[in-house]
Amino acid sequence: MRVFVTGGTGLVGSAVVAELLGNGHTVLALARSDASALAAEEAGAEVLRGGLADLDILRAGAAQADGVIHLAFTNDFSSAEVLAKSVAEESAALAALGEELVGSDRPLITVSGTPYASGGSLSTEADPVPTDGPVGGRGRAVTAALGLASRGVRSAAVRLPRTVHRQGAGGFAGMLTGIARQSGVSGYPGDGAQRWPAVHVLDAAVLFRLALEQAPAGSAWHAVADEGDTVRDIATVIGRRLGLPVESVPPETYGPLGPIFATDQPSSSTHTRQALGWEPKHPGLLEDLENIQP
């Protein structure tokens, strides 16, 4: 397939582009900056210049592709206002991509997070994504995209866990590391017993490809390798690697993501593994965090 990819030069996107190119697909990558364009070209992708706010360019990219993988999203979680603006921009972009594909039966693979399940149980692919809270708008946008299955779009969502990692970097664990470097304390909210699922980025990239190639319309899939490491265990490895004390800190330490950071969110990928034949092969989170450099 010729695949239009947004966010193709980020941590996840660069791995997805490499996975696609390594398995016989071609890639048209959206690139907002000169640096992103150069990175995409060096990876072997064709470049379409523009950003998520350029809806006509997004439609043009989708129109000339056999399928779309949408990954672009801001990494700025500095305030609730900035986060809300980013969610609104992504929602409009995803709607534009979906409308361009209506009636074509082409795949639209988008990304969301694994949901919360009450009672300490593991969330599954059958659980709905949240549509309220700091990133509830993303849940509403993805739900709308999946609803395009009734309009001739083979839409599917790959749900990423709280940490997508590589060489100790990435995801919520990477944010804990960054905050620890700044504050001098490797912190965890509350008692740290809450659990976060995780996946190595190279394993996640395989699942995006499998979803593109195989996923039925309107389906959701979990890119979960580790079902739930406790945040205290994550912080302990970070503290040891950085030579910092490990302590409980207020959820407000994490800004608008504080409520999410404080929630127990273990997740399962049993259905995904059985239905798509996905099997993670790369190091788990706690092992990968050993790559953090002091």
Foldseek 3Di string as FASTA:
>chain_A
DEEEEEPLPDPLNVLLQLVQVVVPYAYEYEDADPVRCVSQVVSPHHYQYDHLQPLVSLLVSLLPGLAYEYDDFDPDPPALVVLVVRLVSNLVSLVSSLVSCFPPLGEYEYEAAQAADPPLDAGEQPDQHALDASNNSNSVSLQVSLVSLVRNYQYEYEHFWQFADDLQDTGPLNVLLVLCVVPLESEAADPQQAWTFYAHSNLSSVLSVLCNVPNGRSGYAYRGDGQTDGRQLSSVLSCVQVVGHYYYDHLCSVHSCSVVRNHRHGHDGVVVCVPRVRDGDDDDNSVSNNSDHD
